[in-house]
Amino acid sequence: MKSWLTGTVAHKTRWNDTHYSLAIEAQGPAFTAGQFIRVGMDLEGERIGRPYSLVNPPHAPLFEIFFNIVPEGPLSSRLAALEAGDSVLLTEAANGLLTLAEVPQHSRDLWMLATGTGVGPFLSMLQTDEPWQRFENVVLGYGVRYYADLAYRELIEHLQQEHAGRFHFVPYITRESAGDGFACRIPETITDGRLEQRIGVTLDPSRSHVMLCGHSGMIGDAVNSLETRGMRRHRRREPGHISTEKYH
C-alpha cells in the first residue's frame, strides 16, 4: 500500500487549453532530479493517483508537475481545475531511473529529447549543477504541435544564457512554421543527420548518451534510428547509450 502526503497548491500555470503546471507545497518526498511521484485526489470515494515527473530541482521549495488533460481520464481535468490553496495528495516516495546517476561516467555529450510534457524531468536535471559539471555539451530537443505549446520558455532561455556555448536548445514544431526550429518529428532529424548538423555535435556511441521522454511513438522511432548508429538501450547490467523511463 502506498503512503500519501497532503500538499497544498501554491500556484497554477495554464500554458494553453490542455497543458498545465501545478506548484505544490508539501513536506517531502525526497527525490533525485528526473524522478517521478504519484499525484492523486479522492474522487467519488476512490483514491485516484497517476505518475507525474517533477519539473523542479530537488533544492527548490515547491514540487512542480507539468501535465496535459487526458480527455477520458478521471484525474487530469480535476487537477487542472485546482486553484491556489486547494489540497492534493502526493506519494511520500519518488521513483524512476531516468536520472543522471544512471548515465555512464565516460559520456561527454548528453542529449535530452522530449515531446510534450516529457520535457519535465529534463528541466529538473538542467536546474542542478550535475549536467554542467559532467558534460561538455548538453542538447535539449523539445517537440510540440504548435509554438504556443512550448512551455517553460523563460526557463529554457535562462539556461541558454547561463550556459552559452554548451547548452543547445532545438525546438520541433510539427503543425506550423517552426521559425528557428525544425518543422518535423525528432526521429527524422536523427536519421538524416540534421540535428547533429544544426548544433555541430556528433551522436557518437563512444561519448554520447541519449535520454528520451514523451510520446511512445517518438521514443520507439528514435531508438530505432539510434540503433542504426551503433547505440543501444542502457541497462545497469549492460551499460548502453539510450535511457528511457517506465512509469508505474
C-alpha atoms as a PDB file:
ATOM      1  CA  MET A   1       0.000   0.000   0.000  1.00  0.00           C
ATOM      2  CA  LYS A   2       1.319   3.436  -0.946  1.00  0.00           C
ATOM      3  CA  SER A   3       1.697   6.093   1.715  1.00  0.00           C
ATOM      4  CA  TRP A   4       0.361   9.515   0.832  1.00  0.00           C
ATOM      5  CA  LEU A   5       1.166  13.059   1.913  1.00  0.00           C
ATOM      6  CA  THR A   6      -1.167  16.024   1.724  1.00  0.00           C
ATOM      7  CA  GLY A   7       0.102  19.028  -0.178  1.00  0.00           C
ATOM      8  CA  THR A   8      -1.302  22.464  -0.919  1.00  0.00           C
ATOM      9  CA  VAL A   9      -1.387  24.077  -4.357  1.00  0.00           C
ATOM     10  CA  ALA A  10       0.819  27.177  -4.202  1.00  0.00           C
ATOM     11  CA  HIS A  11       0.082  28.325  -7.751  1.00  0.00           C
ATOM     12  CA  LYS A  12      -1.088  27.072 -11.118  1.00  0.00           C
ATOM     13  CA  THR A  13       0.183  27.876 -14.614  1.00  0.00           C
ATOM     14  CA  ARG A  14      -2.108  27.441 -17.594  1.00  0.00           C
ATOM     15  CA  TRP A  15       0.074  27.081 -20.666  1.00  0.00           C
ATOM     16  CA  ASN A  16      -2.824  26.528 -23.072  1.00  0.00           C
ATOM     17  CA  ASP A  17      -6.242  24.830 -23.112  1.00  0.00           C
ATOM     18  CA  THR A  18      -4.788  21.399 -22.369  1.00  0.00           C
ATOM     19  CA  HIS A  19      -1.426  21.861 -20.589  1.00  0.00           C
ATOM     20  CA  TYR A  20      -0.979  22.987 -17.007  1.00  0.00           C
ATOM     21  CA  SER A  21       1.599  23.089 -14.241  1.00  0.00           C
ATOM     22  CA  LEU A  22       0.917  22.874 -10.521  1.00  0.00           C
ATOM     23  CA  ALA A  23       3.400  24.038  -7.896  1.00  0.00           C
ATOM     24  CA  ILE A  24       2.694  22.223  -4.650  1.00  0.00           C
ATOM     25  CA  GLU A  25       3.830  22.917  -1.109  1.00  0.00           C
ATOM     26  CA  ALA A  26       4.434  19.688   0.840  1.00  0.00           C
ATOM     27  CA  GLN A  27       6.787  18.130   3.397  1.00  0.00           C
ATOM     28  CA  GLY A  28       8.594  15.684   1.125  1.00  0.00           C
ATOM     29  CA  PRO A  29       9.189  13.450  -0.703  1.00  0.00           C
ATOM     30  CA  ALA A  30      12.944  13.436  -1.222  1.00  0.00           C
ATOM     31  CA  PHE A  31      13.844  12.749  -4.857  1.00  0.00           C
ATOM     32  CA  THR A  32      16.572  12.803  -7.467  1.00  0.00           C
ATOM     33  CA  ALA A  33      16.229  15.107 -10.468  1.00  0.00           C
ATOM     34  CA  GLY A  34      14.450  13.183 -13.220  1.00  0.00           C
ATOM     35  CA  GLN A  35      12.298  11.045 -10.938  1.00  0.00           C
ATOM     36  CA  PHE A  36       8.510  10.982 -10.695  1.00  0.00           C
ATOM     37  CA  ILE A  37       5.920  10.809  -7.952  1.00  0.00           C
ATOM     38  CA  ARG A  38       2.271   9.888  -7.957  1.00  0.00           C
ATOM     39  CA  VAL A  39      -0.195  12.722  -7.516  1.00  0.00           C
ATOM     40  CA  GLY A  40      -3.747  11.937  -6.538  1.00  0.00           C
ATOM     41  CA  MET A  41      -7.165  13.018  -5.346  1.00  0.00           C
ATOM     42  CA  ASP A  42     -10.074  11.303  -3.657  1.00  0.00           C
ATOM     43  CA  LEU A  43     -12.828  11.199  -6.278  1.00  0.00           C
ATOM     44  CA  GLU A  44     -16.257   9.715  -5.623  1.00  0.00           C
ATOM     45  CA  GLY A  45     -14.982   7.585  -2.762  1.00  0.00           C
ATOM     46  CA  GLU A  46     -11.914   6.309  -4.619  1.00  0.00           C
ATOM     47  CA  ARG A  47      -8.322   7.486  -4.436  1.00  0.00           C
ATOM     48  CA  ILE A  48      -7.056   8.083  -7.961  1.00  0.00           C
ATOM     49  CA  GLY A  49      -3.328   8.615  -8.493  1.00  0.00           C
ATOM     50  CA  ARG A  50      -1.159   8.946 -11.580  1.00  0.00           C
ATOM     51  CA  PRO A  51       2.633   9.249 -12.074  1.00  0.00           C
ATOM     52  CA  TYR A  52       3.990  12.691 -12.892  1.00  0.00           C
ATOM     53  CA  SER A  53       7.623  13.690 -13.311  1.00  0.00           C
ATOM     54  CA  LEU A  54       8.834  16.579 -11.207  1.00  0.00           C
ATOM     55  CA  VAL A  55       9.946  19.700 -13.083  1.00  0.00           C
ATOM     56  CA  ASN A  56      11.581  21.397 -10.107  1.00  0.00           C
ATOM     57  CA  PRO A  57      15.118  20.579  -8.981  1.00  0.00           C
ATOM     58  CA  PRO A  58      15.476  18.830  -5.614  1.00  0.00           C
ATOM     59  CA  HIS A  59      16.661  22.013  -3.882  1.00  0.00           C
ATOM     60  CA  ALA A  60      13.546  24.018  -4.837  1.00  0.00           C
ATOM     61  CA  PRO A  61      10.995  24.755  -2.096  1.00  0.00           C
ATOM     62  CA  LEU A  62       7.959  23.649  -4.132  1.00  0.00           C
ATOM     63  CA  PHE A  63       7.147  20.462  -6.023  1.00  0.00           C
ATOM     64  CA  GLU A  64       6.032  21.121  -9.587  1.00  0.00           C
ATOM     65  CA  ILE A  65       4.331  18.872 -12.109  1.00  0.00           C
ATOM     66  CA  PHE A  66       3.634  19.555 -15.788  1.00  0.00           C
ATOM     67  CA  PHE A  67       0.714  17.674 -17.291  1.00  0.00           C
ATOM     68  CA  ASN A  68      -1.857  17.629 -20.059  1.00  0.00           C
ATOM     69  CA  ILE A  69      -5.562  16.969 -19.774  1.00  0.00           C
ATOM     70  CA  VAL A  70      -6.423  13.427 -20.870  1.00  0.00           C
ATOM     71  CA  PRO A  71      -9.962  13.704 -22.329  1.00  0.00           C
ATOM     72  CA  GLU A  72     -11.196  10.388 -20.936  1.00  0.00           C
ATOM     73  CA  GLY A  73      -9.008  10.412 -17.814  1.00  0.00           C
ATOM     74  CA  PRO A  74     -10.582  10.744 -14.360  1.00  0.00           C
ATOM     75  CA  LEU A  75      -7.805  12.812 -12.762  1.00  0.00           C
ATOM     76  CA  SER A  76      -6.076  15.288 -15.062  1.00  0.00           C
ATOM     77  CA  SER A  77      -9.088  17.565 -15.624  1.00  0.00           C
ATOM     78  CA  ARG A  78      -9.664  17.666 -11.856  1.00  0.00           C
ATOM     79  CA  LEU A  79      -6.048  18.627 -11.269  1.00  0.00           C
ATOM     80  CA  ALA A  80      -6.349  21.371 -13.889  1.00  0.00           C
ATOM     81  CA  ALA A  81      -9.352  22.775 -12.013  1.00  0.00           C
ATOM     82  CA  LEU A  82      -7.435  23.166  -8.735  1.00  0.00           C
ATOM     83  CA  GLU A  83      -6.529  26.638  -7.529  1.00  0.00           C
ATOM     84  CA  ALA A  84      -4.058  28.045  -5.017  1.00  0.00           C
ATOM     85  CA  GLY A  85      -4.934  26.843  -1.530  1.00  0.00           C
ATOM     86  CA  ASP A  86      -6.582  23.594  -2.647  1.00  0.00           C
ATOM     87  CA  SER A  87      -5.323  20.274  -1.305  1.00  0.00           C
ATOM     88  CA  VAL A  88      -3.780  17.497  -3.359  1.00  0.00           C
ATOM     89  CA  LEU A  89      -2.179  14.170  -2.476  1.00  0.00           C
ATOM     90  CA  LEU A  90       1.414  13.074  -3.173  1.00  0.00           C
ATOM     91  CA  THR A  91       3.118   9.755  -2.588  1.00  0.00           C
ATOM     92  CA  GLU A  92       5.828  10.006   0.055  1.00  0.00           C
ATOM     93  CA  ALA A  93       8.384   8.237  -2.158  1.00  0.00           C
ATOM     94  CA  ALA A  94       9.728   9.094  -5.611  1.00  0.00           C
ATOM     95  CA  ASN A  95      10.645   6.554  -8.287  1.00  0.00           C
ATOM     96  CA  GLY A  96      12.360   6.334 -11.631  1.00  0.00           C
ATOM     97  CA  LEU A  97      15.688   5.608 -13.295  1.00  0.00           C
ATOM     98  CA  LEU A  98      15.739   8.482 -15.797  1.00  0.00           C
ATOM     99  CA  THR A  99      18.437  10.226 -13.775  1.00  0.00           C
ATOM    100  CA  LEU A 100      21.985  11.377 -14.375  1.00  0.00           C
ATOM    101  CA  ALA A 101      23.239   8.820 -11.866  1.00  0.00           C
ATOM    102  CA  GLU A 102      22.348   6.156 -14.439  1.00  0.00           C
ATOM    103  CA  VAL A 103      24.397   7.756 -17.226  1.00  0.00           C
ATOM    104  CA  PRO A 104      27.785   6.047 -17.708  1.00  0.00           C
ATOM    105  CA  GLN A 105      30.675   8.145 -16.440  1.00  0.00           C
ATOM    106  CA  HIS A 106      32.530   8.103 -19.778  1.00  0.00           C
ATOM    107  CA  SER A 107      29.736  10.026 -21.533  1.00  0.00           C
ATOM    108  CA  ARG A 108      30.699  13.553 -22.536  1.00  0.00           C
ATOM    109  CA  ASP A 109      27.675  14.699 -24.561  1.00  0.00           C
ATOM    110  CA  LEU A 110      24.169  14.492 -23.095  1.00  0.00           C
ATOM    111  CA  TRP A 111      21.202  14.504 -25.458  1.00  0.00           C
ATOM    112  CA  MET A 112      17.738  15.067 -23.947  1.00  0.00           C
ATOM    113  CA  LEU A 113      14.947  14.530 -26.479  1.00  0.00           C
ATOM    114  CA  ALA A 114      11.351  15.103 -25.391  1.00  0.00           C
ATOM    115  CA  THR A 115       7.852  15.637 -26.655  1.00  0.00           C
ATOM    116  CA  GLY A 116       5.092  17.432 -24.758  1.00  0.00           C
ATOM    117  CA  THR A 117       5.169  17.066 -21.002  1.00  0.00           C
ATOM    118  CA  GLY A 118       8.138  14.709 -21.342  1.00  0.00           C
ATOM    119  CA  VAL A 119      10.375  17.769 -21.091  1.00  0.00           C
ATOM    120  CA  GLY A 120       9.623  17.945 -17.344  1.00  0.00           C
ATOM    121  CA  PRO A 121      12.276  15.584 -15.952  1.00  0.00           C
ATOM    122  CA  PHE A 122      14.919  17.125 -18.209  1.00  0.00           C
ATOM    123  CA  LEU A 123      14.178  20.611 -16.899  1.00  0.00           C
ATOM    124  CA  SER A 124      14.580  19.273 -13.377  1.00  0.00           C
ATOM    125  CA  MET A 125      18.043  17.905 -14.198  1.00  0.00           C
ATOM    126  CA  LEU A 126      19.101  21.046 -16.063  1.00  0.00           C
ATOM    127  CA  GLN A 127      18.429  23.164 -12.976  1.00  0.00           C
ATOM    128  CA  THR A 128      21.016  21.207 -10.973  1.00  0.00           C
ATOM    129  CA  ASP A 129      24.800  21.525 -11.111  1.00  0.00           C
ATOM    130  CA  GLU A 130      25.491  17.957 -12.228  1.00  0.00           C
ATOM    131  CA  PRO A 131      24.988  18.215 -16.020  1.00  0.00           C
ATOM    132  CA  TRP A 132      27.230  21.278 -16.196  1.00  0.00           C
ATOM    133  CA  GLN A 133      29.919  19.605 -14.111  1.00  0.00           C
ATOM    134  CA  ARG A 134      29.899  16.341 -16.090  1.00  0.00           C
ATOM    135  CA  PHE A 135      29.199  17.082 -19.751  1.00  0.00           C
ATOM    136  CA  GLU A 136      30.879  19.149 -22.424  1.00  0.00           C
ATOM    137  CA  ASN A 137      27.678  19.526 -24.463  1.00  0.00           C
ATOM    138  CA  VAL A 138      24.045  19.323 -23.367  1.00  0.00           C
ATOM    139  CA  VAL A 139      21.329  19.148 -26.029  1.00  0.00           C
ATOM    140  CA  LEU A 140      17.614  19.645 -25.385  1.00  0.00           C
ATOM    141  CA  GLY A 141      15.292  18.766 -28.274  1.00  0.00           C
ATOM    142  CA  TYR A 142      11.675  19.627 -27.424  1.00  0.00           C
ATOM    143  CA  GLY A 143       8.818  18.667 -29.739  1.00  0.00           C
ATOM    144  CA  VAL A 144       5.274  20.099 -29.716  1.00  0.00           C
ATOM    145  CA  ARG A 145       2.486  20.647 -32.214  1.00  0.00           C
ATOM    146  CA  TYR A 146       2.311  24.446 -32.090  1.00  0.00           C
ATOM    147  CA  TYR A 147       4.769  27.114 -30.990  1.00  0.00           C
ATOM    148  CA  ALA A 148       2.402  28.201 -28.209  1.00  0.00           C
ATOM    149  CA  ASP A 149       2.731  24.695 -26.751  1.00  0.00           C
ATOM    150  CA  LEU A 150       6.400  25.272 -25.882  1.00  0.00           C
ATOM    151  CA  ALA A 151       6.169  25.564 -22.103  1.00  0.00           C
ATOM    152  CA  TYR A 152       8.881  26.889 -19.782  1.00  0.00           C
ATOM    153  CA  ARG A 153      10.373  29.118 -22.490  1.00  0.00           C
ATOM    154  CA  GLU A 154      11.677  31.630 -19.931  1.00  0.00           C
ATOM    155  CA  LEU A 155      13.490  28.891 -18.018  1.00  0.00           C
ATOM    156  CA  ILE A 156      14.989  27.495 -21.225  1.00  0.00           C
ATOM    157  CA  GLU A 157      16.132  30.970 -22.314  1.00  0.00           C
ATOM    158  CA  HIS A 158      17.759  31.461 -18.898  1.00  0.00           C
ATOM    159  CA  LEU A 159      19.625  28.166 -19.307  1.00  0.00           C
ATOM    160  CA  GLN A 160      20.782  29.257 -22.769  1.00  0.00           C
ATOM    161  CA  GLN A 161      22.190  32.482 -21.353  1.00  0.00           C
ATOM    162  CA  GLU A 162      23.771  30.840 -18.317  1.00  0.00           C
ATOM    163  CA  HIS A 163      25.413  28.033 -20.278  1.00  0.00           C
ATOM    164  CA  ALA A 164      26.059  29.662 -23.636  1.00  0.00           C
ATOM    165  CA  GLY A 165      28.150  27.529 -25.956  1.00  0.00           C
ATOM    166  CA  ARG A 166      27.447  24.312 -24.046  1.00  0.00           C
ATOM    167  CA  PHE A 167      23.634  24.209 -23.964  1.00  0.00           C
ATOM    168  CA  HIS A 168      21.980  23.615 -27.325  1.00  0.00           C
ATOM    169  CA  PHE A 169      18.185  24.036 -27.474  1.00  0.00           C
ATOM    170  CA  VAL A 170      16.337  22.785 -30.556  1.00  0.00           C
ATOM    171  CA  PRO A 171      12.535  23.214 -30.797  1.00  0.00           C
ATOM    172  CA  TYR A 172      10.418  20.984 -33.030  1.00  0.00           C
ATOM    173  CA  ILE A 173       7.055  22.383 -34.166  1.00  0.00           C
ATOM    174  CA  THR A 174       5.123  19.848 -36.223  1.00  0.00           C
ATOM    175  CA  ARG A 175       1.933  21.688 -37.215  1.00  0.00           C
ATOM    176  CA  GLU A 176       3.005  25.232 -38.062  1.00  0.00           C
ATOM    177  CA  SER A 177       6.049  27.223 -39.135  1.00  0.00           C
ATOM    178  CA  ALA A 178       8.878  26.332 -36.800  1.00  0.00           C
ATOM    179  CA  GLY A 179      10.801  29.618 -37.018  1.00  0.00           C
ATOM    180  CA  ASP A 180      14.325  28.721 -35.913  1.00  0.00           C
ATOM    181  CA  GLY A 181      13.304  25.134 -35.130  1.00  0.00           C
ATOM    182  CA  PHE A 182      12.502  22.019 -37.124  1.00  0.00           C
ATOM    183  CA  ALA A 183       9.067  21.562 -38.689  1.00  0.00           C
ATOM    184  CA  CYS A 184       9.151  17.782 -38.300  1.00  0.00           C
ATOM    185  CA  ARG A 185       9.417  14.987 -35.739  1.00  0.00           C
ATOM    186  CA  ILE A 186      12.554  14.418 -33.692  1.00  0.00           C
ATOM    187  CA  PRO A 187      13.446  10.960 -35.132  1.00  0.00           C
ATOM    188  CA  GLU A 188      13.584  12.317 -38.691  1.00  0.00           C
ATOM    189  CA  THR A 189      16.448  14.637 -37.770  1.00  0.00           C
ATOM    190  CA  ILE A 190      18.357  11.806 -36.126  1.00  0.00           C
ATOM    191  CA  THR A 191      18.002   9.622 -39.200  1.00  0.00           C
ATOM    192  CA  ASP A 192      19.094  12.235 -41.722  1.00  0.00           C
ATOM    193  CA  GLY A 193      21.708  13.904 -39.517  1.00  0.00           C
ATOM    194  CA  ARG A 194      20.104  17.361 -39.449  1.00  0.00           C
ATOM    195  CA  LEU A 195      20.075  17.543 -35.648  1.00  0.00           C
ATOM    196  CA  GLU A 196      23.831  16.964 -35.474  1.00  0.00           C
ATOM    197  CA  GLN A 197      24.456  19.422 -38.306  1.00  0.00           C
ATOM    198  CA  ARG A 198      22.307  22.044 -36.586  1.00  0.00           C
ATOM    199  CA  ILE A 199      24.322  22.088 -33.358  1.00  0.00           C
ATOM    200  CA  GLY A 200      27.706  20.882 -34.585  1.00  0.00           C
ATOM    201  CA  VAL A 201      27.900  17.884 -32.254  1.00  0.00           C
ATOM    202  CA  THR A 202      28.065  14.249 -33.422  1.00  0.00           C
ATOM    203  CA  LEU A 203      25.999  11.393 -31.993  1.00  0.00           C
ATOM    204  CA  ASP A 204      28.972   9.216 -31.179  1.00  0.00           C
ATOM    205  CA  PRO A 205      28.491   5.990 -29.163  1.00  0.00           C
ATOM    206  CA  SER A 206      31.910   6.465 -27.586  1.00  0.00           C
ATOM    207  CA  ARG A 207      30.914   9.742 -25.906  1.00  0.00           C
ATOM    208  CA  SER A 208      27.152  10.337 -26.310  1.00  0.00           C
ATOM    209  CA  HIS A 209      24.219   9.391 -24.081  1.00  0.00           C
ATOM    210  CA  VAL A 210      20.640   9.969 -25.204  1.00  0.00           C
ATOM    211  CA  MET A 211      17.677  10.340 -22.851  1.00  0.00           C
ATOM    212  CA  LEU A 212      14.177  10.036 -24.348  1.00  0.00           C
ATOM    213  CA  CYS A 213      10.890  11.017 -22.720  1.00  0.00           C
ATOM    214  CA  GLY A 214       7.448  11.658 -24.161  1.00  0.00           C
ATOM    215  CA  HIS A 215       5.229  10.064 -26.783  1.00  0.00           C
ATOM    216  CA  SER A 216       5.835   6.332 -27.196  1.00  0.00           C
ATOM    217  CA  GLY A 217       5.906   6.663 -30.980  1.00  0.00           C
ATOM    218  CA  MET A 218       8.707   9.211 -30.816  1.00  0.00           C
ATOM    219  CA  ILE A 219      10.664   7.045 -28.396  1.00  0.00           C
ATOM    220  CA  GLY A 220      10.307   3.908 -30.493  1.00  0.00           C
ATOM    221  CA  ASP A 221      11.295   5.623 -33.735  1.00  0.00           C
ATOM    222  CA  ALA A 222      14.194   7.454 -32.093  1.00  0.00           C
ATOM    223  CA  VAL A 223      15.531   4.226 -30.581  1.00  0.00           C
ATOM    224  CA  ASN A 224      15.364   2.564 -33.992  1.00  0.00           C
ATOM    225  CA  SER A 225      17.293   5.428 -35.583  1.00  0.00           C
ATOM    226  CA  LEU A 226      19.895   5.472 -32.807  1.00  0.00           C
ATOM    227  CA  GLU A 227      20.405   1.729 -33.037  1.00  0.00           C
ATOM    228  CA  THR A 228      21.436   2.125 -36.678  1.00  0.00           C
ATOM    229  CA  ARG A 229      24.138   4.469 -35.366  1.00  0.00           C
ATOM    230  CA  GLY A 230      25.592   1.762 -33.122  1.00  0.00           C
ATOM    231  CA  MET A 231      23.798   2.804 -29.956  1.00  0.00           C
ATOM    232  CA  ARG A 232      21.781   0.526 -27.663  1.00  0.00           C
ATOM    233  CA  ARG A 233      19.440   0.791 -24.706  1.00  0.00           C
ATOM    234  CA  HIS A 234      21.123   1.345 -21.373  1.00  0.00           C
ATOM    235  CA  ARG A 235      20.749  -1.222 -18.611  1.00  0.00           C
ATOM    236  CA  ARG A 236      22.589  -1.392 -15.308  1.00  0.00           C
ATOM    237  CA  ARG A 237      23.923  -4.857 -16.105  1.00  0.00           C
ATOM    238  CA  GLU A 238      24.744  -3.860 -19.675  1.00  0.00           C
ATOM    239  CA  PRO A 239      25.633  -0.161 -19.935  1.00  0.00           C
ATOM    240  CA  GLY A 240      24.445   1.448 -23.130  1.00  0.00           C
ATOM    241  CA  HIS A 241      23.696   4.780 -24.732  1.00  0.00           C
ATOM    242  CA  ILE A 242      19.890   5.255 -24.614  1.00  0.00           C
ATOM    243  CA  SER A 243      17.803   5.831 -21.471  1.00  0.00           C
ATOM    244  CA  THR A 244      14.006   5.875 -21.218  1.00  0.00           C
ATOM    245  CA  GLU A 245      11.568   5.705 -18.321  1.00  0.00           C
ATOM    246  CA  LYS A 246       8.905   3.199 -17.322  1.00  0.00           C
ATOM    247  CA  TYR A 247       6.159   4.918 -15.362  1.00  0.00           C
ATOM    248  CA  HIS A 248       4.262   2.726 -12.928  1.00  0.00           C
END
